[in-house]
Amino acid sequence: MTSSDKPAAGQVQGEGDYESARKFQKEEAEFASHPEEVARKAKEAEAALEGPEGDELERARVESAKGHPL
C-alpha cells in the first residue's frame, strides 16, 4: 500500500468503512421517505419473483444468506 492508497485521517476502510456506511444510510433513508417509490419497487420485485427469473432469484437469495442467519 502506498501513501496515496491510505485512507484519510479519521476514515476506516474495509469492514469499518464509515464513509460508505453513512452514504448508504443517507440514500436508504431518502428512498424510504418516498412510500410510492417503495411500493412500486416492491411490486417490481414481486413480479420478478413470480416471473421467469424467479427460480434464479431464489437460488441467489439462498446462496447469499448462507452463513448469515436472520
PDB file of N, CA and C in Angstrom:
ATOM      1  N   MET A   1       0.858  -1.186   0.000  1.00  0.00           N
ATOM      2  CA  MET A   1       0.000   0.000   0.000  1.00  0.00           C
ATOM      3  C   MET A   1       0.891   1.231   0.000  1.00  0.00           C
ATOM      4  N   THR A   2       0.652   2.121  -0.917  1.00  0.00           N
ATOM      5  CA  THR A   2       1.412   3.362  -0.969  1.00  0.00           C
ATOM      6  C   THR A   2       0.706   4.397  -0.110  1.00  0.00           C
ATOM      7  N   SER A   3       1.375   5.494   0.130  1.00  0.00           N
ATOM      8  CA  SER A   3       0.772   6.539   0.958  1.00  0.00           C
ATOM      9  C   SER A   3      -0.477   7.107   0.293  1.00  0.00           C
ATOM     10  N   SER A   4      -0.552   7.085  -1.049  1.00  0.00           N
ATOM     11  CA  SER A   4      -1.745   7.602  -1.728  1.00  0.00           C
ATOM     12  C   SER A   4      -2.923   6.636  -1.626  1.00  0.00           C
ATOM     13  N   ASP A   5      -2.650   5.358  -1.281  1.00  0.00           N
ATOM     14  CA  ASP A   5      -3.713   4.363  -1.129  1.00  0.00           C
ATOM     15  C   ASP A   5      -4.318   4.377   0.267  1.00  0.00           C
ATOM     16  N   LYS A   6      -3.670   5.023   1.192  1.00  0.00           N
ATOM     17  CA  LYS A   6      -4.142   5.015   2.576  1.00  0.00           C
ATOM     18  C   LYS A   6      -5.339   5.945   2.737  1.00  0.00           C
ATOM     19  N   PRO A   7      -6.305   5.529   3.574  1.00  0.00           N
ATOM     20  CA  PRO A   7      -7.459   6.397   3.821  1.00  0.00           C
ATOM     21  C   PRO A   7      -7.030   7.659   4.560  1.00  0.00           C
ATOM     22  N   ALA A   8      -7.784   8.715   4.359  1.00  0.00           N
ATOM     23  CA  ALA A   8      -7.507   9.969   5.060  1.00  0.00           C
ATOM     24  C   ALA A   8      -7.706   9.781   6.555  1.00  0.00           C
ATOM     25  N   ALA A   9      -7.145  10.659   7.329  1.00  0.00           N
ATOM     26  CA  ALA A   9      -7.283  10.586   8.783  1.00  0.00           C
ATOM     27  C   ALA A   9      -8.758  10.549   9.161  1.00  0.00           C
ATOM     28  N   GLY A  10      -9.106   9.645  10.062  1.00  0.00           N
ATOM     29  CA  GLY A  10     -10.481   9.545  10.529  1.00  0.00           C
ATOM     30  C   GLY A  10     -11.354   8.629   9.695  1.00  0.00           C
ATOM     31  N   GLN A  11     -10.835   8.137   8.579  1.00  0.00           N
ATOM     32  CA  GLN A  11     -11.583   7.209   7.740  1.00  0.00           C
ATOM     33  C   GLN A  11     -11.061   5.800   7.987  1.00  0.00           C
ATOM     34  N   VAL A  12     -11.955   4.889   8.271  1.00  0.00           N
ATOM     35  CA  VAL A  12     -11.595   3.500   8.436  1.00  0.00           C
ATOM     36  C   VAL A  12     -12.106   2.767   7.208  1.00  0.00           C
ATOM     37  N   GLN A  13     -11.246   2.033   6.544  1.00  0.00           N
ATOM     38  CA  GLN A  13     -11.630   1.322   5.325  1.00  0.00           C
ATOM     39  C   GLN A  13     -11.814  -0.162   5.628  1.00  0.00           C
ATOM     40  N   GLY A  14     -12.361  -0.876   4.669  1.00  0.00           N
ATOM     41  CA  GLY A  14     -12.593  -2.306   4.842  1.00  0.00           C
ATOM     42  C   GLY A  14     -13.904  -2.532   5.558  1.00  0.00           C
ATOM     43  N   GLU A  15     -13.897  -3.420   6.535  1.00  0.00           N
ATOM     44  CA  GLU A  15     -15.116  -3.757   7.276  1.00  0.00           C
ATOM     45  C   GLU A  15     -15.695  -2.552   8.004  1.00  0.00           C
ATOM     46  N   GLY A  16     -14.892  -1.564   8.293  1.00  0.00           N
ATOM     47  CA  GLY A  16     -15.367  -0.393   9.024  1.00  0.00           C
ATOM     48  C   GLY A  16     -15.361   0.866   8.183  1.00  0.00           C
ATOM     49  N   ASP A  17     -15.794   0.773   6.938  1.00  0.00           N
ATOM     50  CA  ASP A  17     -15.781   1.924   6.034  1.00  0.00           C
ATOM     51  C   ASP A  17     -16.936   2.852   6.395  1.00  0.00           C
ATOM     52  N   TYR A  18     -16.691   3.733   7.318  1.00  0.00           N
ATOM     53  CA  TYR A  18     -17.736   4.599   7.861  1.00  0.00           C
ATOM     54  C   TYR A  18     -18.301   5.558   6.821  1.00  0.00           C
ATOM     55  N   GLU A  19     -17.471   6.044   5.936  1.00  0.00           N
ATOM     56  CA  GLU A  19     -17.951   6.982   4.917  1.00  0.00           C
ATOM     57  C   GLU A  19     -18.980   6.303   4.007  1.00  0.00           C
ATOM     58  N   SER A  20     -18.681   5.103   3.566  1.00  0.00           N
ATOM     59  CA  SER A  20     -19.625   4.376   2.716  1.00  0.00           C
ATOM     60  C   SER A  20     -20.898   4.022   3.477  1.00  0.00           C
ATOM     61  N   ALA A  21     -20.759   3.660   4.737  1.00  0.00           N
ATOM     62  CA  ALA A  21     -21.936   3.328   5.553  1.00  0.00           C
ATOM     63  C   ALA A  21     -22.840   4.538   5.711  1.00  0.00           C
ATOM     64  N   ARG A  22     -22.256   5.698   5.958  1.00  0.00           N
ATOM     65  CA  ARG A  22     -23.062   6.921   6.087  1.00  0.00           C
ATOM     66  C   ARG A  22     -23.772   7.251   4.779  1.00  0.00           C
ATOM     67  N   LYS A  23     -23.060   7.108   3.672  1.00  0.00           N
ATOM     68  CA  LYS A  23     -23.662   7.384   2.357  1.00  0.00           C
ATOM     69  C   LYS A  23     -24.826   6.429   2.101  1.00  0.00           C
ATOM     70  N   PHE A  24     -24.618   5.142   2.384  1.00  0.00           N
ATOM     71  CA  PHE A  24     -25.675   4.155   2.187  1.00  0.00           C
ATOM     72  C   PHE A  24     -26.888   4.483   3.050  1.00  0.00           C
ATOM     73  N   GLN A  25     -26.664   4.776   4.319  1.00  0.00           N
ATOM     74  CA  GLN A  25     -27.776   5.084   5.225  1.00  0.00           C
ATOM     75  C   GLN A  25     -28.537   6.330   4.777  1.00  0.00           C
ATOM     76  N   LYS A  26     -27.819   7.334   4.305  1.00  0.00           N
ATOM     77  CA  LYS A  26     -28.470   8.554   3.827  1.00  0.00           C
ATOM     78  C   LYS A  26     -29.340   8.253   2.605  1.00  0.00           C
ATOM     79  N   GLU A  27     -28.784   7.505   1.649  1.00  0.00           N
ATOM     80  CA  GLU A  27     -29.540   7.166   0.443  1.00  0.00           C
ATOM     81  C   GLU A  27     -30.720   6.243   0.750  1.00  0.00           C
ATOM     82  N   GLU A  28     -30.536   5.330   1.689  1.00  0.00           N
ATOM     83  CA  GLU A  28     -31.614   4.426   2.094  1.00  0.00           C
ATOM     84  C   GLU A  28     -32.751   5.212   2.751  1.00  0.00           C
ATOM     85  N   ALA A  29     -32.413   6.148   3.611  1.00  0.00           N
ATOM     86  CA  ALA A  29     -33.440   6.969   4.268  1.00  0.00           C
ATOM     87  C   ALA A  29     -34.176   7.834   3.250  1.00  0.00           C
ATOM     88  N   GLU A  30     -33.438   8.365   2.267  1.00  0.00           N
ATOM     89  CA  GLU A  30     -34.069   9.173   1.217  1.00  0.00           C
ATOM     90  C   GLU A  30     -35.069   8.329   0.428  1.00  0.00           C
ATOM     91  N   PHE A  31     -34.665   7.119   0.045  1.00  0.00           N
ATOM     92  CA  PHE A  31     -35.553   6.229  -0.693  1.00  0.00           C
ATOM     93  C   PHE A  31     -36.780   5.883   0.144  1.00  0.00           C
ATOM     94  N   ALA A  32     -36.575   5.539   1.401  1.00  0.00           N
ATOM     95  CA  ALA A  32     -37.681   5.138   2.282  1.00  0.00           C
ATOM     96  C   ALA A  32     -38.644   6.285   2.560  1.00  0.00           C
ATOM     97  N   SER A  33     -38.215   7.509   2.351  1.00  0.00           N
ATOM     98  CA  SER A  33     -39.086   8.659   2.607  1.00  0.00           C
ATOM     99  C   SER A  33     -40.092   8.889   1.479  1.00  0.00           C
ATOM    100  N   HIS A  34     -40.055   8.026   0.466  1.00  0.00           N
ATOM    101  CA  HIS A  34     -40.979   8.117  -0.670  1.00  0.00           C
ATOM    102  C   HIS A  34     -41.773   6.819  -0.767  1.00  0.00           C
ATOM    103  N   PRO A  35     -42.859   6.698   0.007  1.00  0.00           N
ATOM    104  CA  PRO A  35     -43.587   5.426   0.059  1.00  0.00           C
ATOM    105  C   PRO A  35     -44.111   4.963  -1.299  1.00  0.00           C
ATOM    106  N   GLU A  36     -44.432   5.889  -2.190  1.00  0.00           N
ATOM    107  CA  GLU A  36     -44.918   5.477  -3.506  1.00  0.00           C
ATOM    108  C   GLU A  36     -43.818   4.773  -4.299  1.00  0.00           C
ATOM    109  N   GLU A  37     -42.597   5.227  -4.156  1.00  0.00           N
ATOM    110  CA  GLU A  37     -41.454   4.589  -4.823  1.00  0.00           C
ATOM    111  C   GLU A  37     -41.170   3.229  -4.200  1.00  0.00           C
ATOM    112  N   VAL A  38     -41.252   3.134  -2.881  1.00  0.00           N
ATOM    113  CA  VAL A  38     -41.039   1.858  -2.190  1.00  0.00           C
ATOM    114  C   VAL A  38     -42.080   0.846  -2.663  1.00  0.00           C
ATOM    115  N   ALA A  39     -43.334   1.268  -2.740  1.00  0.00           N
ATOM    116  CA  ALA A  39     -44.406   0.370  -3.179  1.00  0.00           C
ATOM    117  C   ALA A  39     -44.185  -0.073  -4.625  1.00  0.00           C
ATOM    118  N   ARG A  40     -43.757   0.845  -5.480  1.00  0.00           N
ATOM    119  CA  ARG A  40     -43.502   0.500  -6.884  1.00  0.00           C
ATOM    120  C   ARG A  40     -42.386  -0.532  -7.002  1.00  0.00           C
ATOM    121  N   LYS A  41     -41.305  -0.324  -6.243  1.00  0.00           N
ATOM    122  CA  LYS A  41     -40.181  -1.261  -6.275  1.00  0.00           C
ATOM    123  C   LYS A  41     -40.586  -2.619  -5.698  1.00  0.00           C
ATOM    124  N   ALA A  42     -41.437  -2.623  -4.672  1.00  0.00           N
ATOM    125  CA  ALA A  42     -41.912  -3.880  -4.098  1.00  0.00           C
ATOM    126  C   ALA A  42     -42.724  -4.665  -5.127  1.00  0.00           C
ATOM    127  N   LYS A  43     -43.557  -3.974  -5.881  1.00  0.00           N
ATOM    128  CA  LYS A  43     -44.346  -4.631  -6.935  1.00  0.00           C
ATOM    129  C   LYS A  43     -43.432  -5.170  -8.039  1.00  0.00           C
ATOM    130  N   GLU A  44     -42.393  -4.421  -8.375  1.00  0.00           N
ATOM    131  CA  GLU A  44     -41.434  -4.898  -9.375  1.00  0.00           C
ATOM    132  C   GLU A  44     -40.730  -6.166  -8.889  1.00  0.00           C
ATOM    133  N   ALA A  45     -40.353  -6.179  -7.624  1.00  0.00           N
ATOM    134  CA  ALA A  45     -39.677  -7.350  -7.053  1.00  0.00           C
ATOM    135  C   ALA A  45     -40.618  -8.552  -7.035  1.00  0.00           C
ATOM    136  N   GLU A  46     -41.851  -8.324  -6.645  1.00  0.00           N
ATOM    137  CA  GLU A  46     -42.831  -9.409  -6.623  1.00  0.00           C
ATOM    138  C   GLU A  46     -43.016  -9.983  -8.026  1.00  0.00           C
ATOM    139  N   ALA A  47     -43.131  -9.114  -9.024  1.00  0.00           N
ATOM    140  CA  ALA A  47     -43.297  -9.567 -10.404  1.00  0.00           C
ATOM    141  C   ALA A  47     -42.078 -10.367 -10.865  1.00  0.00           C
ATOM    142  N   ALA A  48     -40.890  -9.924 -10.487  1.00  0.00           N
ATOM    143  CA  ALA A  48     -39.676 -10.641 -10.870  1.00  0.00           C
ATOM    144  C   ALA A  48     -39.639 -12.021 -10.228  1.00  0.00           C
ATOM    145  N   LEU A  49     -40.017 -12.102  -8.945  1.00  0.00           N
ATOM    146  CA  LEU A  49     -40.018 -13.386  -8.248  1.00  0.00           C
ATOM    147  C   LEU A  49     -41.032 -14.354  -8.840  1.00  0.00           C
ATOM    148  N   GLU A  50     -42.147 -13.831  -9.319  1.00  0.00           N
ATOM    149  CA  GLU A  50     -43.188 -14.674  -9.895  1.00  0.00           C
ATOM    150  C   GLU A  50     -42.965 -14.937 -11.384  1.00  0.00           C
ATOM    151  N   GLY A  51     -42.019 -14.234 -11.985  1.00  0.00           N
ATOM    152  CA  GLY A  51     -41.760 -14.364 -13.411  1.00  0.00           C
ATOM    153  C   GLY A  51     -40.729 -15.432 -13.723  1.00  0.00           C
ATOM    154  N   PRO A  52     -40.253 -15.434 -14.969  1.00  0.00           N
ATOM    155  CA  PRO A  52     -39.318 -16.464 -15.428  1.00  0.00           C
ATOM    156  C   PRO A  52     -37.983 -16.479 -14.679  1.00  0.00           C
ATOM    157  N   GLU A  53     -37.601 -15.355 -14.102  1.00  0.00           N
ATOM    158  CA  GLU A  53     -36.322 -15.320 -13.376  1.00  0.00           C
ATOM    159  C   GLU A  53     -36.482 -15.663 -11.891  1.00  0.00           C
ATOM    160  N   GLY A  54     -37.679 -16.006 -11.465  1.00  0.00           N
ATOM    161  CA  GLY A  54     -37.953 -16.271 -10.054  1.00  0.00           C
ATOM    162  C   GLY A  54     -37.080 -17.346  -9.444  1.00  0.00           C
ATOM    163  N   ASP A  55     -36.902 -18.480 -10.143  1.00  0.00           N
ATOM    164  CA  ASP A  55     -36.074 -19.563  -9.600  1.00  0.00           C
ATOM    165  C   ASP A  55     -34.630 -19.122  -9.420  1.00  0.00           C
ATOM    166  N   GLU A  56     -34.120 -18.386 -10.405  1.00  0.00           N
ATOM    167  CA  GLU A  56     -32.742 -17.904 -10.319  1.00  0.00           C
ATOM    168  C   GLU A  56     -32.583 -16.906  -9.165  1.00  0.00           C
ATOM    169  N   LEU A  57     -33.556 -16.033  -8.989  1.00  0.00           N
ATOM    170  CA  LEU A  57     -33.508 -15.066  -7.882  1.00  0.00           C
ATOM    171  C   LEU A  57     -33.564 -15.774  -6.534  1.00  0.00           C
ATOM    172  N   GLU A  58     -34.390 -16.804  -6.429  1.00  0.00           N
ATOM    173  CA  GLU A  58     -34.483 -17.549  -5.170  1.00  0.00           C
ATOM    174  C   GLU A  58     -33.170 -18.266  -4.877  1.00  0.00           C
ATOM    175  N   ARG A  59     -32.547 -18.864  -5.890  1.00  0.00           N
ATOM    176  CA  ARG A  59     -31.245 -19.519  -5.678  1.00  0.00           C
ATOM    177  C   ARG A  59     -30.214 -18.498  -5.203  1.00  0.00           C
ATOM    178  N   ALA A  60     -30.214 -17.318  -5.797  1.00  0.00           N
ATOM    179  CA  ALA A  60     -29.272 -16.268  -5.396  1.00  0.00           C
ATOM    180  C   ALA A  60     -29.536 -15.821  -3.964  1.00  0.00           C
ATOM    181  N   ARG A  61     -30.818 -15.708  -3.601  1.00  0.00           N
ATOM    182  CA  ARG A  61     -31.159 -15.307  -2.229  1.00  0.00           C
ATOM    183  C   ARG A  61     -30.656 -16.337  -1.231  1.00  0.00           C
ATOM    184  N   VAL A  62     -30.893 -17.625  -1.528  1.00  0.00           N
ATOM    185  CA  VAL A  62     -30.454 -18.694  -0.631  1.00  0.00           C
ATOM    186  C   VAL A  62     -28.935 -18.696  -0.514  1.00  0.00           C
ATOM    187  N   GLU A  63     -28.255 -18.571  -1.638  1.00  0.00           N
ATOM    188  CA  GLU A  63     -26.792 -18.574  -1.630  1.00  0.00           C
ATOM    189  C   GLU A  63     -26.240 -17.393  -0.831  1.00  0.00           C
ATOM    190  N   SER A  64     -26.824 -16.226  -1.004  1.00  0.00           N
ATOM    191  CA  SER A  64     -26.325 -15.040  -0.304  1.00  0.00           C
ATOM    192  C   SER A  64     -26.603 -15.107   1.198  1.00  0.00           C
ATOM    193  N   ALA A  65     -27.606 -15.886   1.591  1.00  0.00           N
ATOM    194  CA  ALA A  65     -27.958 -15.986   3.005  1.00  0.00           C
ATOM    195  C   ALA A  65     -27.133 -17.012   3.760  1.00  0.00           C
ATOM    196  N   LYS A  66     -26.387 -17.848   3.047  1.00  0.00           N
ATOM    197  CA  LYS A  66     -25.575 -18.872   3.716  1.00  0.00           C
ATOM    198  C   LYS A  66     -24.591 -18.205   4.653  1.00  0.00           C
ATOM    199  N   GLY A  67     -24.603 -18.648   5.872  1.00  0.00           N
ATOM    200  CA  GLY A  67     -23.693 -18.088   6.862  1.00  0.00           C
ATOM    201  C   GLY A  67     -24.154 -16.759   7.435  1.00  0.00           C
ATOM    202  N   HIS A  68     -25.335 -16.318   7.066  1.00  0.00           N
ATOM    203  CA  HIS A  68     -25.869 -15.055   7.571  1.00  0.00           C
ATOM    204  C   HIS A  68     -27.261 -15.280   8.156  1.00  0.00           C
ATOM    205  N   PRO A  69     -27.321 -15.851   9.364  1.00  0.00           N
ATOM    206  CA  PRO A  69     -28.638 -16.128   9.950  1.00  0.00           C
ATOM    207  C   PRO A  69     -29.416 -14.836  10.194  1.00  0.00           C
ATOM    208  N   LEU A  70     -30.705 -14.925  10.043  1.00  0.00           N
ATOM    209  CA  LEU A  70     -31.559 -13.754  10.273  1.00  0.00           C
ATOM    210  C   LEU A  70     -31.806 -13.554  11.730  1.00  0.00           C
TER     211      LEU A  70
END
